[in-house]
Every structure is written in C-alpha cells, then in structure tokens.
Amino acid sequence: MLTIVDYGVGNLFNIQKAFQSLGSNVRISNNPEEIINSDRLLLPGVGSYEAGITALKGNGIDQVVREFADSGRPMMGICLGMQLMLSVSEENGNWPGLDLIAGKVVRFTGPAPTGKPYKIPQIGWNSISKPGNVDVNWKNSVLESLDAEDTAYVYFLHSYYVIPEDAGCVLAETNYGRDTFCSVLMKDNLVGCQFHPERSGKVGLGILKSFINH
C-alpha cells in the first residue's frame, strides 16, 4: 500500500489519480497508524516552508514520517515535500525541517542588473539532466525510465530549491536563471523531486512507476 500523507498542504488528488492510472494501490491518509504501516510513502506539498512544517508538526505527523524514513522503506517527496526532507530552509527566516537529508533550502538568485530578466517563481516546463560534477547512474532509480542522453522535460512551480550537503545525493539537476540546482535527489530509501511528476506527462508517470516498482 502506498500512502499519500495528508497534512493539509498539497494537491493530493492529482497525485492519487496519477498513481491509480499506473495500477497502484494508493490511499490518502493523515492516520499515523496507516502511515507507519505503509509499504511506500509519498510526502506532497505546495506553498511556503513555514506553513508546511508547521502543519506537519501541528498534526504530529512529523515524527511518524521520520519513523517511516528510518525504517528503510521507500519514501518520495514532491516539491515542498522534497524540501521538507532537508535540515533547514532559509524561506522567511530559518525553519528547521525533518532533517532526513542533511542540507538546506535556498531561494533562486535574482536576475543580474544588466542580465537577461527572468521571473521567480519558476513556473512551467524545464529539463532535467545528470549533474555535471558527479558521476551518477540512473539505473535502479526513479529516473531509470529516462535516457540520460536525451532531454526530458518536467513541470516546475517553485521559488526555492535544495542544496544537499552530500553532492552524491544529487541524481539530476536543472538550470534556471543564474542557478543550477538539484531537481532530483536520492539518499538510500529516500527520493525527492522538485518538480511535479503528476503534472509532467509520460516522463512524470514513468518516474512514479519506477518509484512504486522498487
């Protein structure tokens, strides 16, 4: 059973629909017992870091999510859900996260005064690729359905991005404005996507399918 964590933040039903289209046995729940007894866990999220971590702690779900992550079973974070997996966010001050993966969340660098203008947040389609400074293998990962030599486009909606302390956690990266950022990370049983797989067509469904099959 795959459980999508309901903590009041995120477009849960679109994610559920995407998994159902893949034949996955999936539920939406805020019940601690159902969450901890799941085979796989999906942590969604949109909006501010402050609102997300406050909601998780307010419902007491943060500790259950930590316990699940420690169990070694597969867990995925999407967008804000991915950011919450890290240690701290610089959004609206310093907000401590779940600290499942050491690292921080930072805001996009603004356009240079004399440079090409671009908008923050990043909204729309952008590519993901292997990181340029780390040798990674997409085989047996959520990106195994993609050809690393081709360009794959996915849908983003965010103003902040993650910087894991261990560069080896970066599975894919993306360029936007003046930043090259981690768009997919993986550490042991944990994986995160800064983009929205459920809104990313066949590429996104392939990523979700790889998650439920491993």
N, C-alpha and C. Protein backbone atom coordinates (compact mmCIF):
# COMPACT_ATOMS: atom_id res chain seq x y z
N MET A 1 0.83 -1.20 0.00
CA MET A 1 0.00 0.00 0.00
C MET A 1 0.87 1.26 0.00
N LEU A 2 0.59 2.15 -0.92
CA LEU A 2 1.24 3.45 -0.98
C LEU A 2 0.33 4.48 -0.31
N THR A 3 0.88 5.24 0.62
CA THR A 3 0.11 6.27 1.31
C THR A 3 0.62 7.65 0.95
N ILE A 4 -0.30 8.52 0.54
CA ILE A 4 0.00 9.93 0.33
C ILE A 4 -0.36 10.65 1.62
N VAL A 5 0.62 11.31 2.23
CA VAL A 5 0.42 11.94 3.53
C VAL A 5 -0.44 13.19 3.38
N ASP A 6 -1.54 13.22 4.10
CA ASP A 6 -2.45 14.37 4.10
C ASP A 6 -2.19 15.21 5.34
N TYR A 7 -1.47 16.32 5.17
CA TYR A 7 -1.25 17.23 6.29
C TYR A 7 -1.78 18.63 5.97
N GLY A 8 -2.72 18.67 5.02
CA GLY A 8 -3.41 19.92 4.70
C GLY A 8 -2.71 20.80 3.69
N VAL A 9 -1.60 20.32 3.10
CA VAL A 9 -0.83 21.11 2.15
C VAL A 9 -0.51 20.25 0.94
N GLY A 10 -1.05 20.61 -0.23
CA GLY A 10 -0.69 19.86 -1.43
C GLY A 10 -1.90 19.44 -2.23
N ASN A 11 -1.67 19.18 -3.51
CA ASN A 11 -2.72 18.74 -4.42
C ASN A 11 -2.76 17.22 -4.42
N LEU A 12 -3.41 16.68 -3.40
CA LEU A 12 -3.33 15.24 -3.15
C LEU A 12 -4.03 14.41 -4.21
N PHE A 13 -5.17 14.90 -4.69
CA PHE A 13 -5.99 14.05 -5.55
C PHE A 13 -5.38 13.88 -6.94
N ASN A 14 -4.68 14.90 -7.45
CA ASN A 14 -3.99 14.73 -8.73
C ASN A 14 -2.88 13.68 -8.62
N ILE A 15 -2.18 13.69 -7.48
CA ILE A 15 -1.13 12.69 -7.27
C ILE A 15 -1.75 11.30 -7.15
N GLN A 16 -2.83 11.20 -6.39
CA GLN A 16 -3.51 9.91 -6.24
C GLN A 16 -3.99 9.39 -7.60
N LYS A 17 -4.55 10.28 -8.40
CA LYS A 17 -5.05 9.88 -9.72
C LYS A 17 -3.92 9.37 -10.61
N ALA A 18 -2.76 10.01 -10.52
CA ALA A 18 -1.61 9.58 -11.32
C ALA A 18 -1.18 8.17 -10.93
N PHE A 19 -1.10 7.90 -9.63
CA PHE A 19 -0.71 6.57 -9.18
C PHE A 19 -1.78 5.53 -9.54
N GLN A 20 -3.05 5.90 -9.43
CA GLN A 20 -4.12 4.98 -9.79
C GLN A 20 -4.06 4.60 -11.26
N SER A 21 -3.67 5.56 -12.11
CA SER A 21 -3.56 5.28 -13.54
C SER A 21 -2.46 4.26 -13.83
N LEU A 22 -1.55 4.10 -12.88
CA LEU A 22 -0.46 3.12 -13.01
C LEU A 22 -0.81 1.79 -12.35
N GLY A 23 -2.03 1.69 -11.82
CA GLY A 23 -2.47 0.46 -11.18
C GLY A 23 -2.01 0.31 -9.75
N SER A 24 -1.57 1.40 -9.14
CA SER A 24 -1.06 1.33 -7.77
C SER A 24 -2.19 1.31 -6.75
N ASN A 25 -2.00 0.56 -5.69
CA ASN A 25 -2.91 0.56 -4.55
C ASN A 25 -2.54 1.74 -3.67
N VAL A 26 -3.30 2.82 -3.72
CA VAL A 26 -2.90 4.08 -3.10
C VAL A 26 -4.04 4.67 -2.28
N ARG A 27 -3.69 5.30 -1.18
CA ARG A 27 -4.67 5.97 -0.33
C ARG A 27 -4.11 7.31 0.14
N ILE A 28 -5.01 8.19 0.52
CA ILE A 28 -4.65 9.47 1.15
C ILE A 28 -5.01 9.35 2.62
N SER A 29 -4.06 9.69 3.51
CA SER A 29 -4.34 9.48 4.93
C SER A 29 -3.54 10.43 5.80
N ASN A 30 -4.15 10.81 6.93
CA ASN A 30 -3.43 11.52 8.00
C ASN A 30 -3.41 10.68 9.27
N ASN A 31 -3.75 9.40 9.12
CA ASN A 31 -3.79 8.49 10.26
C ASN A 31 -2.38 7.94 10.52
N PRO A 32 -1.81 8.21 11.69
CA PRO A 32 -0.44 7.77 11.97
C PRO A 32 -0.24 6.26 11.79
N GLU A 33 -1.22 5.47 12.19
CA GLU A 33 -1.08 4.02 12.07
C GLU A 33 -1.04 3.59 10.61
N GLU A 34 -1.89 4.19 9.78
CA GLU A 34 -1.88 3.86 8.36
C GLU A 34 -0.58 4.31 7.70
N ILE A 35 -0.09 5.47 8.12
CA ILE A 35 1.15 6.00 7.54
C ILE A 35 2.32 5.08 7.87
N ILE A 36 2.48 4.72 9.13
CA ILE A 36 3.65 3.95 9.54
C ILE A 36 3.60 2.52 9.02
N ASN A 37 2.40 2.01 8.71
CA ASN A 37 2.26 0.64 8.23
C ASN A 37 2.23 0.54 6.71
N SER A 38 2.53 1.62 6.02
CA SER A 38 2.52 1.62 4.56
C SER A 38 3.75 0.91 4.00
N ASP A 39 3.63 0.47 2.76
CA ASP A 39 4.79 -0.09 2.06
C ASP A 39 5.66 1.01 1.48
N ARG A 40 5.00 2.08 1.02
CA ARG A 40 5.67 3.25 0.46
C ARG A 40 4.96 4.51 0.93
N LEU A 41 5.72 5.60 0.97
CA LEU A 41 5.15 6.85 1.47
C LEU A 41 5.45 7.98 0.48
N LEU A 42 4.44 8.82 0.26
CA LEU A 42 4.59 9.98 -0.60
C LEU A 42 4.28 11.23 0.21
N LEU A 43 5.26 12.14 0.30
CA LEU A 43 5.08 13.40 1.02
C LEU A 43 4.90 14.51 -0.01
N PRO A 44 3.67 15.00 -0.19
CA PRO A 44 3.42 16.05 -1.17
C PRO A 44 3.67 17.43 -0.56
N GLY A 45 3.26 18.47 -1.25
CA GLY A 45 3.35 19.80 -0.66
C GLY A 45 3.49 20.90 -1.68
N VAL A 46 2.73 21.97 -1.47
CA VAL A 46 2.88 23.22 -2.22
C VAL A 46 2.76 24.36 -1.22
N GLY A 47 3.32 25.51 -1.58
CA GLY A 47 3.23 26.67 -0.70
C GLY A 47 4.50 26.90 0.08
N SER A 48 4.36 27.61 1.20
CA SER A 48 5.54 28.04 1.96
C SER A 48 6.07 26.93 2.87
N TYR A 49 7.36 26.99 3.12
CA TYR A 49 8.01 26.03 4.01
C TYR A 49 7.45 26.15 5.43
N GLU A 50 7.27 27.39 5.87
CA GLU A 50 6.75 27.63 7.21
C GLU A 50 5.40 26.95 7.40
N ALA A 51 4.50 27.13 6.43
CA ALA A 51 3.17 26.52 6.53
C ALA A 51 3.26 25.01 6.50
N GLY A 52 4.15 24.48 5.67
CA GLY A 52 4.27 23.03 5.55
C GLY A 52 4.79 22.37 6.81
N ILE A 53 5.90 22.86 7.35
CA ILE A 53 6.47 22.22 8.53
C ILE A 53 5.59 22.45 9.75
N THR A 54 4.92 23.61 9.81
CA THR A 54 4.00 23.88 10.92
C THR A 54 2.83 22.92 10.90
N ALA A 55 2.31 22.65 9.70
CA ALA A 55 1.19 21.72 9.57
C ALA A 55 1.61 20.30 9.94
N LEU A 56 2.79 19.89 9.50
CA LEU A 56 3.28 18.55 9.85
C LEU A 56 3.41 18.38 11.35
N LYS A 57 4.00 19.38 12.00
CA LYS A 57 4.20 19.29 13.45
C LYS A 57 2.89 19.44 14.20
N GLY A 58 2.01 20.29 13.69
CA GLY A 58 0.73 20.51 14.36
C GLY A 58 -0.12 19.26 14.39
N ASN A 59 0.00 18.45 13.36
CA ASN A 59 -0.76 17.20 13.30
C ASN A 59 -0.01 16.03 13.93
N GLY A 60 1.23 16.29 14.37
CA GLY A 60 2.04 15.23 14.95
C GLY A 60 2.53 14.22 13.93
N ILE A 61 2.41 14.57 12.65
CA ILE A 61 2.78 13.63 11.60
C ILE A 61 4.28 13.62 11.35
N ASP A 62 4.96 14.69 11.77
CA ASP A 62 6.40 14.77 11.50
C ASP A 62 7.16 13.59 12.09
N GLN A 63 6.81 13.20 13.32
CA GLN A 63 7.52 12.09 13.96
C GLN A 63 7.23 10.76 13.27
N VAL A 64 5.99 10.59 12.81
CA VAL A 64 5.63 9.35 12.12
C VAL A 64 6.38 9.25 10.80
N VAL A 65 6.49 10.38 10.10
CA VAL A 65 7.23 10.40 8.83
C VAL A 65 8.70 10.07 9.07
N ARG A 66 9.27 10.62 10.14
CA ARG A 66 10.68 10.30 10.47
C ARG A 66 10.85 8.81 10.76
N GLU A 67 9.91 8.24 11.51
CA GLU A 67 9.98 6.81 11.82
C GLU A 67 9.90 5.98 10.55
N PHE A 68 9.02 6.38 9.64
CA PHE A 68 8.90 5.64 8.38
C PHE A 68 10.20 5.73 7.60
N ALA A 69 10.76 6.92 7.50
CA ALA A 69 12.02 7.10 6.76
C ALA A 69 13.13 6.24 7.36
N ASP A 70 13.17 6.14 8.68
CA ASP A 70 14.19 5.34 9.36
C ASP A 70 14.01 3.84 9.14
N SER A 71 12.81 3.44 8.73
CA SER A 71 12.52 2.01 8.56
C SER A 71 13.18 1.42 7.32
N GLY A 72 13.62 2.28 6.41
CA GLY A 72 14.25 1.80 5.19
C GLY A 72 13.30 1.56 4.04
N ARG A 73 12.00 1.77 4.26
CA ARG A 73 11.04 1.61 3.17
C ARG A 73 11.06 2.84 2.26
N PRO A 74 10.65 2.68 0.99
CA PRO A 74 10.75 3.78 0.03
C PRO A 74 9.85 4.96 0.39
N MET A 75 10.42 6.16 0.27
CA MET A 75 9.69 7.39 0.54
C MET A 75 10.07 8.43 -0.50
N MET A 76 9.06 9.12 -1.02
CA MET A 76 9.29 10.17 -2.01
C MET A 76 8.68 11.49 -1.54
N GLY A 77 9.41 12.58 -1.74
CA GLY A 77 8.89 13.92 -1.51
C GLY A 77 8.75 14.65 -2.83
N ILE A 78 7.66 15.38 -3.00
CA ILE A 78 7.41 16.14 -4.22
C ILE A 78 7.32 17.62 -3.89
N CYS A 79 8.07 18.44 -4.61
CA CYS A 79 8.07 19.90 -4.48
C CYS A 79 8.36 20.31 -3.03
N LEU A 80 7.41 20.94 -2.34
CA LEU A 80 7.64 21.31 -0.95
C LEU A 80 7.93 20.08 -0.10
N GLY A 81 7.29 18.96 -0.41
CA GLY A 81 7.55 17.73 0.33
C GLY A 81 9.01 17.32 0.28
N MET A 82 9.64 17.51 -0.87
CA MET A 82 11.08 17.25 -1.01
C MET A 82 11.87 18.21 -0.14
N GLN A 83 11.52 19.49 -0.17
CA GLN A 83 12.25 20.49 0.61
C GLN A 83 12.15 20.22 2.11
N LEU A 84 10.99 19.75 2.56
CA LEU A 84 10.79 19.47 3.98
C LEU A 84 11.67 18.33 4.48
N MET A 85 12.16 17.51 3.57
CA MET A 85 13.01 16.39 3.95
C MET A 85 14.40 16.84 4.39
N LEU A 86 14.78 18.08 4.04
CA LEU A 86 16.10 18.57 4.38
C LEU A 86 16.15 19.18 5.77
N SER A 87 17.32 19.67 6.16
CA SER A 87 17.55 20.11 7.55
C SER A 87 16.91 21.44 7.87
N VAL A 88 17.02 22.40 6.95
CA VAL A 88 16.59 23.76 7.26
C VAL A 88 16.27 24.51 5.98
N SER A 89 15.36 25.49 6.08
CA SER A 89 15.03 26.35 4.95
C SER A 89 15.29 27.80 5.32
N GLU A 90 15.78 28.57 4.35
CA GLU A 90 16.02 29.99 4.55
C GLU A 90 14.80 30.83 4.18
N GLU A 91 13.69 30.18 3.86
CA GLU A 91 12.48 30.90 3.49
C GLU A 91 11.85 31.55 4.72
N ASN A 92 11.71 32.88 4.69
CA ASN A 92 11.12 33.63 5.81
C ASN A 92 11.85 33.35 7.12
N GLY A 93 13.18 33.41 7.07
CA GLY A 93 13.97 33.10 8.26
C GLY A 93 14.56 31.71 8.14
N ASN A 94 14.93 31.14 9.25
CA ASN A 94 15.46 29.77 9.26
C ASN A 94 14.46 28.84 9.91
N TRP A 95 13.89 27.95 9.10
CA TRP A 95 12.90 26.99 9.59
C TRP A 95 13.47 25.58 9.56
N PRO A 96 13.53 24.91 10.71
CA PRO A 96 14.04 23.54 10.72
C PRO A 96 13.09 22.59 10.01
N GLY A 97 13.67 21.67 9.24
CA GLY A 97 12.87 20.68 8.53
C GLY A 97 12.90 19.33 9.22
N LEU A 98 12.59 18.29 8.47
CA LEU A 98 12.57 16.94 9.03
C LEU A 98 13.98 16.40 9.23
N ASP A 99 14.95 16.98 8.56
CA ASP A 99 16.36 16.59 8.71
C ASP A 99 16.59 15.12 8.35
N LEU A 100 15.89 14.65 7.33
CA LEU A 100 16.11 13.29 6.85
C LEU A 100 17.33 13.24 5.94
N ILE A 101 17.60 14.36 5.28
CA ILE A 101 18.77 14.51 4.42
C ILE A 101 19.44 15.82 4.79
N ALA A 102 20.71 15.77 5.14
CA ALA A 102 21.42 16.98 5.56
C ALA A 102 21.52 17.96 4.40
N GLY A 103 21.16 19.21 4.67
CA GLY A 103 21.22 20.23 3.63
C GLY A 103 20.26 21.36 3.93
N LYS A 104 20.18 22.30 3.00
CA LYS A 104 19.36 23.49 3.21
C LYS A 104 18.55 23.82 1.97
N VAL A 105 17.57 24.69 2.17
CA VAL A 105 16.69 25.15 1.09
C VAL A 105 16.91 26.65 0.92
N VAL A 106 17.21 27.08 -0.30
CA VAL A 106 17.54 28.48 -0.56
C VAL A 106 16.69 29.02 -1.71
N ARG A 107 16.62 30.34 -1.80
CA ARG A 107 15.84 31.00 -2.85
C ARG A 107 16.68 31.16 -4.12
N PHE A 108 16.00 31.16 -5.26
CA PHE A 108 16.66 31.44 -6.52
C PHE A 108 17.39 32.78 -6.46
N THR A 109 18.53 32.86 -7.11
CA THR A 109 19.23 34.12 -7.28
C THR A 109 18.46 34.99 -8.27
N GLY A 110 18.28 36.25 -7.94
CA GLY A 110 17.57 37.15 -8.83
C GLY A 110 18.38 37.49 -10.06
N PRO A 111 17.73 38.05 -11.08
CA PRO A 111 18.45 38.44 -12.29
C PRO A 111 19.52 39.49 -12.01
N ALA A 112 20.61 39.44 -12.75
CA ALA A 112 21.64 40.47 -12.65
C ALA A 112 21.10 41.78 -13.21
N PRO A 113 21.53 42.92 -12.67
CA PRO A 113 21.02 44.22 -13.13
C PRO A 113 21.13 44.42 -14.63
N THR A 114 22.19 43.90 -15.22
CA THR A 114 22.39 44.07 -16.66
C THR A 114 22.17 42.78 -17.44
N GLY A 115 21.66 41.76 -16.75
CA GLY A 115 21.48 40.46 -17.39
C GLY A 115 20.08 40.28 -17.94
N LYS A 116 19.85 39.11 -18.49
CA LYS A 116 18.55 38.77 -19.04
C LYS A 116 17.53 38.60 -17.91
N PRO A 117 16.37 39.25 -18.00
CA PRO A 117 15.37 39.12 -16.93
C PRO A 117 14.70 37.75 -16.93
N TYR A 118 14.30 37.30 -15.77
CA TYR A 118 13.52 36.09 -15.65
C TYR A 118 12.69 36.19 -14.37
N LYS A 119 11.63 35.40 -14.31
CA LYS A 119 10.68 35.51 -13.22
C LYS A 119 10.97 34.49 -12.12
N ILE A 120 10.70 34.88 -10.91
CA ILE A 120 10.68 33.99 -9.75
C ILE A 120 9.29 34.11 -9.13
N PRO A 121 8.53 33.03 -8.99
CA PRO A 121 8.96 31.62 -9.10
C PRO A 121 9.15 31.14 -10.54
N GLN A 122 9.85 30.01 -10.64
CA GLN A 122 9.90 29.30 -11.91
C GLN A 122 8.57 28.57 -12.08
N ILE A 123 7.88 28.86 -13.16
CA ILE A 123 6.60 28.21 -13.44
C ILE A 123 6.64 27.69 -14.87
N GLY A 124 6.53 26.38 -15.02
CA GLY A 124 6.49 25.82 -16.36
C GLY A 124 7.46 24.67 -16.56
N TRP A 125 7.70 24.35 -17.82
CA TRP A 125 8.48 23.18 -18.19
C TRP A 125 9.96 23.51 -18.27
N ASN A 126 10.77 22.60 -17.77
CA ASN A 126 12.21 22.74 -17.84
C ASN A 126 12.82 21.34 -17.88
N SER A 127 14.07 21.27 -18.25
CA SER A 127 14.71 19.97 -18.44
C SER A 127 15.44 19.50 -17.18
N ILE A 128 15.64 18.21 -17.08
CA ILE A 128 16.48 17.62 -16.04
C ILE A 128 17.59 16.84 -16.73
N SER A 129 18.75 16.81 -16.11
CA SER A 129 19.89 16.11 -16.70
C SER A 129 20.81 15.61 -15.59
N LYS A 130 21.73 14.74 -15.95
CA LYS A 130 22.70 14.26 -14.97
C LYS A 130 23.56 15.42 -14.48
N PRO A 131 23.92 15.43 -13.20
CA PRO A 131 24.78 16.51 -12.69
C PRO A 131 26.14 16.49 -13.37
N GLY A 132 26.67 17.68 -13.59
CA GLY A 132 27.92 17.77 -14.32
C GLY A 132 29.15 17.43 -13.51
N ASN A 133 29.04 17.53 -12.18
CA ASN A 133 30.23 17.35 -11.35
C ASN A 133 30.24 16.04 -10.56
N VAL A 134 29.23 15.20 -10.75
CA VAL A 134 29.15 13.93 -10.01
C VAL A 134 28.78 12.82 -10.99
N ASP A 135 29.44 11.69 -10.88
CA ASP A 135 29.14 10.55 -11.73
C ASP A 135 28.01 9.74 -11.09
N VAL A 136 26.83 9.80 -11.69
CA VAL A 136 25.67 9.08 -11.15
C VAL A 136 25.13 8.12 -12.20
N ASN A 137 24.45 7.10 -11.72
CA ASN A 137 23.84 6.10 -12.59
C ASN A 137 22.35 6.10 -12.32
N TRP A 138 21.57 6.34 -13.36
CA TRP A 138 20.12 6.37 -13.20
C TRP A 138 19.48 4.98 -13.16
N LYS A 139 20.25 3.96 -13.45
CA LYS A 139 19.72 2.61 -13.39
C LYS A 139 19.33 2.28 -11.95
N ASN A 140 18.20 1.58 -11.81
CA ASN A 140 17.67 1.22 -10.50
C ASN A 140 17.35 2.44 -9.64
N SER A 141 16.96 3.53 -10.30
CA SER A 141 16.49 4.73 -9.59
C SER A 141 15.16 5.15 -10.19
N VAL A 142 14.55 6.19 -9.64
CA VAL A 142 13.26 6.65 -10.18
C VAL A 142 13.41 7.23 -11.58
N LEU A 143 14.64 7.47 -12.02
CA LEU A 143 14.87 8.02 -13.36
C LEU A 143 15.27 6.95 -14.37
N GLU A 144 15.13 5.68 -14.00
CA GLU A 144 15.60 4.61 -14.87
C GLU A 144 14.84 4.54 -16.19
N SER A 145 13.63 5.10 -16.25
CA SER A 145 12.85 5.07 -17.49
C SER A 145 13.32 6.12 -18.49
N LEU A 146 14.21 7.01 -18.07
CA LEU A 146 14.68 8.10 -18.93
C LEU A 146 16.02 7.75 -19.57
N ASP A 147 16.23 8.26 -20.75
CA ASP A 147 17.51 8.14 -21.43
C ASP A 147 18.36 9.34 -21.05
N ALA A 148 19.44 9.10 -20.35
CA ALA A 148 20.27 10.20 -19.85
C ALA A 148 20.87 11.02 -20.98
N GLU A 149 20.90 10.46 -22.19
CA GLU A 149 21.47 11.18 -23.33
C GLU A 149 20.44 12.08 -24.00
N ASP A 150 19.16 11.88 -23.70
CA ASP A 150 18.10 12.72 -24.26
C ASP A 150 17.68 13.77 -23.24
N THR A 151 16.95 14.76 -23.72
CA THR A 151 16.45 15.82 -22.85
C THR A 151 15.03 15.50 -22.41
N ALA A 152 14.81 15.42 -21.11
CA ALA A 152 13.48 15.16 -20.56
C ALA A 152 12.96 16.42 -19.89
N TYR A 153 11.72 16.78 -20.20
CA TYR A 153 11.13 17.99 -19.64
C TYR A 153 10.05 17.64 -18.62
N VAL A 154 10.04 18.39 -17.52
CA VAL A 154 9.08 18.19 -16.44
C VAL A 154 8.56 19.55 -15.99
N TYR A 155 7.49 19.52 -15.17
CA TYR A 155 6.80 20.76 -14.81
C TYR A 155 7.19 21.24 -13.41
N PHE A 156 7.68 22.48 -13.36
CA PHE A 156 8.13 23.09 -12.11
C PHE A 156 7.20 24.22 -11.67
N LEU A 157 7.14 24.41 -10.35
CA LEU A 157 6.46 25.57 -9.76
C LEU A 157 7.09 25.82 -8.39
N HIS A 158 8.11 26.70 -8.35
CA HIS A 158 8.82 26.91 -7.08
C HIS A 158 9.71 28.14 -7.14
N SER A 159 9.99 28.68 -5.95
CA SER A 159 10.91 29.82 -5.80
C SER A 159 12.18 29.42 -5.06
N TYR A 160 12.16 28.25 -4.42
CA TYR A 160 13.29 27.78 -3.61
C TYR A 160 13.73 26.41 -4.11
N TYR A 161 14.96 26.05 -3.79
CA TYR A 161 15.48 24.75 -4.19
C TYR A 161 16.42 24.21 -3.11
N VAL A 162 16.71 22.92 -3.18
CA VAL A 162 17.50 22.26 -2.14
C VAL A 162 18.98 22.22 -2.51
N ILE A 163 19.82 22.30 -1.48
CA ILE A 163 21.26 22.08 -1.62
C ILE A 163 21.65 21.03 -0.58
N PRO A 164 21.71 19.75 -0.96
CA PRO A 164 22.14 18.72 0.00
C PRO A 164 23.62 18.87 0.30
N GLU A 165 24.00 18.57 1.55
CA GLU A 165 25.42 18.66 1.92
C GLU A 165 26.27 17.68 1.13
N ASP A 166 25.72 16.51 0.87
CA ASP A 166 26.43 15.49 0.11
C ASP A 166 26.05 15.61 -1.36
N ALA A 167 26.98 16.07 -2.19
CA ALA A 167 26.70 16.23 -3.62
C ALA A 167 26.36 14.90 -4.28
N GLY A 168 26.74 13.80 -3.64
CA GLY A 168 26.42 12.49 -4.17
C GLY A 168 24.94 12.16 -4.12
N CYS A 169 24.17 12.96 -3.38
CA CYS A 169 22.72 12.76 -3.31
C CYS A 169 22.00 13.32 -4.53
N VAL A 170 22.68 14.15 -5.31
CA VAL A 170 22.05 14.80 -6.46
C VAL A 170 21.96 13.81 -7.62
N LEU A 171 20.73 13.45 -7.97
CA LEU A 171 20.50 12.50 -9.05
C LEU A 171 20.32 13.20 -10.39
N ALA A 172 19.74 14.41 -10.35
CA ALA A 172 19.56 15.21 -11.56
C ALA A 172 19.59 16.68 -11.19
N GLU A 173 19.94 17.50 -12.17
CA GLU A 173 19.98 18.94 -11.94
C GLU A 173 19.30 19.68 -13.08
N THR A 174 18.98 20.94 -12.80
CA THR A 174 18.26 21.79 -13.76
C THR A 174 18.84 23.19 -13.70
N ASN A 175 18.83 23.88 -14.82
CA ASN A 175 19.29 25.26 -14.89
C ASN A 175 18.08 26.20 -14.97
N TYR A 176 18.13 27.24 -14.15
CA TYR A 176 17.11 28.29 -14.25
C TYR A 176 17.73 29.62 -13.85
N GLY A 177 17.61 30.60 -14.72
CA GLY A 177 18.22 31.89 -14.42
C GLY A 177 19.71 31.76 -14.22
N ARG A 178 20.17 32.20 -13.07
CA ARG A 178 21.61 32.15 -12.75
C ARG A 178 21.98 30.94 -11.90
N ASP A 179 21.03 30.04 -11.68
CA ASP A 179 21.26 28.90 -10.78
C ASP A 179 21.21 27.57 -11.52
N THR A 180 22.07 26.67 -11.09
CA THR A 180 21.96 25.25 -11.43
C THR A 180 21.64 24.53 -10.13
N PHE A 181 20.49 23.87 -10.08
CA PHE A 181 20.01 23.35 -8.81
C PHE A 181 19.66 21.87 -8.90
N CYS A 182 19.58 21.24 -7.75
CA CYS A 182 19.20 19.84 -7.63
C CYS A 182 17.70 19.69 -7.88
N SER A 183 17.34 18.98 -8.94
CA SER A 183 15.92 18.77 -9.24
C SER A 183 15.43 17.39 -8.84
N VAL A 184 16.36 16.44 -8.67
CA VAL A 184 16.03 15.11 -8.13
C VAL A 184 17.16 14.71 -7.20
N LEU A 185 16.79 14.27 -6.00
CA LEU A 185 17.82 13.79 -5.08
C LEU A 185 17.46 12.40 -4.59
N MET A 186 18.45 11.66 -4.16
CA MET A 186 18.24 10.31 -3.66
C MET A 186 19.28 10.00 -2.60
N LYS A 187 18.82 9.49 -1.49
CA LYS A 187 19.72 9.00 -0.44
C LYS A 187 19.10 7.75 0.16
N ASP A 188 19.75 6.63 -0.06
CA ASP A 188 19.26 5.35 0.46
C ASP A 188 17.82 5.12 -0.01
N ASN A 189 16.87 5.04 0.91
CA ASN A 189 15.48 4.77 0.57
C ASN A 189 14.67 6.04 0.29
N LEU A 190 15.32 7.19 0.34
CA LEU A 190 14.63 8.47 0.18
C LEU A 190 14.90 9.08 -1.18
N VAL A 191 13.85 9.62 -1.80
CA VAL A 191 14.00 10.29 -3.08
C VAL A 191 13.11 11.53 -3.09
N GLY A 192 13.55 12.56 -3.77
CA GLY A 192 12.77 13.78 -3.85
C GLY A 192 12.80 14.36 -5.25
N CYS A 193 11.68 14.93 -5.67
CA CYS A 193 11.57 15.61 -6.96
C CYS A 193 11.12 17.04 -6.72
N GLN A 194 11.89 18.01 -7.20
CA GLN A 194 11.48 19.40 -7.04
C GLN A 194 10.31 19.75 -7.94
N PHE A 195 10.19 19.06 -9.04
CA PHE A 195 9.08 19.27 -9.99
C PHE A 195 7.88 18.42 -9.59
N HIS A 196 6.83 18.52 -10.39
CA HIS A 196 5.60 17.76 -10.14
C HIS A 196 5.48 16.63 -11.15
N PRO A 197 5.83 15.40 -10.78
CA PRO A 197 5.71 14.28 -11.72
C PRO A 197 4.28 14.08 -12.20
N GLU A 198 3.32 14.32 -11.32
CA GLU A 198 1.92 14.10 -11.66
C GLU A 198 1.42 15.08 -12.72
N ARG A 199 2.18 16.13 -12.98
CA ARG A 199 1.82 17.12 -13.99
C ARG A 199 2.80 17.12 -15.16
N SER A 200 3.62 16.09 -15.24
CA SER A 200 4.72 16.06 -16.21
C SER A 200 4.56 15.01 -17.29
N GLY A 201 3.32 14.66 -17.62
CA GLY A 201 3.05 13.77 -18.73
C GLY A 201 3.68 12.40 -18.59
N LYS A 202 4.08 11.83 -19.73
CA LYS A 202 4.64 10.48 -19.74
C LYS A 202 5.94 10.38 -18.95
N VAL A 203 6.75 11.43 -19.01
CA VAL A 203 8.00 11.43 -18.25
C VAL A 203 7.72 11.30 -16.76
N GLY A 204 6.77 12.10 -16.27
CA GLY A 204 6.43 12.07 -14.86
C GLY A 204 5.83 10.74 -14.43
N LEU A 205 4.95 10.19 -15.27
CA LEU A 205 4.35 8.90 -14.94
C LEU A 205 5.41 7.80 -14.90
N GLY A 206 6.40 7.90 -15.79
CA GLY A 206 7.49 6.93 -15.77
C GLY A 206 8.27 6.98 -14.47
N ILE A 207 8.47 8.19 -13.95
CA ILE A 207 9.17 8.37 -12.67
C ILE A 207 8.36 7.77 -11.53
N LEU A 208 7.06 8.04 -11.51
CA LEU A 208 6.20 7.49 -10.45
C LEU A 208 6.13 5.97 -10.54
N LYS A 209 6.09 5.45 -11.76
CA LYS A 209 6.06 3.99 -11.93
C LYS A 209 7.33 3.35 -11.40
N SER A 210 8.47 3.98 -11.65
CA SER A 210 9.73 3.44 -11.12
C SER A 210 9.74 3.46 -9.60
N PHE A 211 9.11 4.48 -9.02
CA PHE A 211 9.05 4.56 -7.55
C PHE A 211 8.25 3.40 -6.97
N ILE A 212 7.11 3.08 -7.57
CA ILE A 212 6.27 2.03 -6.99
C ILE A 212 6.79 0.63 -7.33
N ASN A 213 7.69 0.53 -8.28
CA ASN A 213 8.21 -0.78 -8.68
C ASN A 213 9.51 -1.16 -7.98
N HIS A 214 10.04 -0.27 -7.12
CA HIS A 214 11.29 -0.57 -6.43
C HIS A 214 11.13 -0.42 -4.93
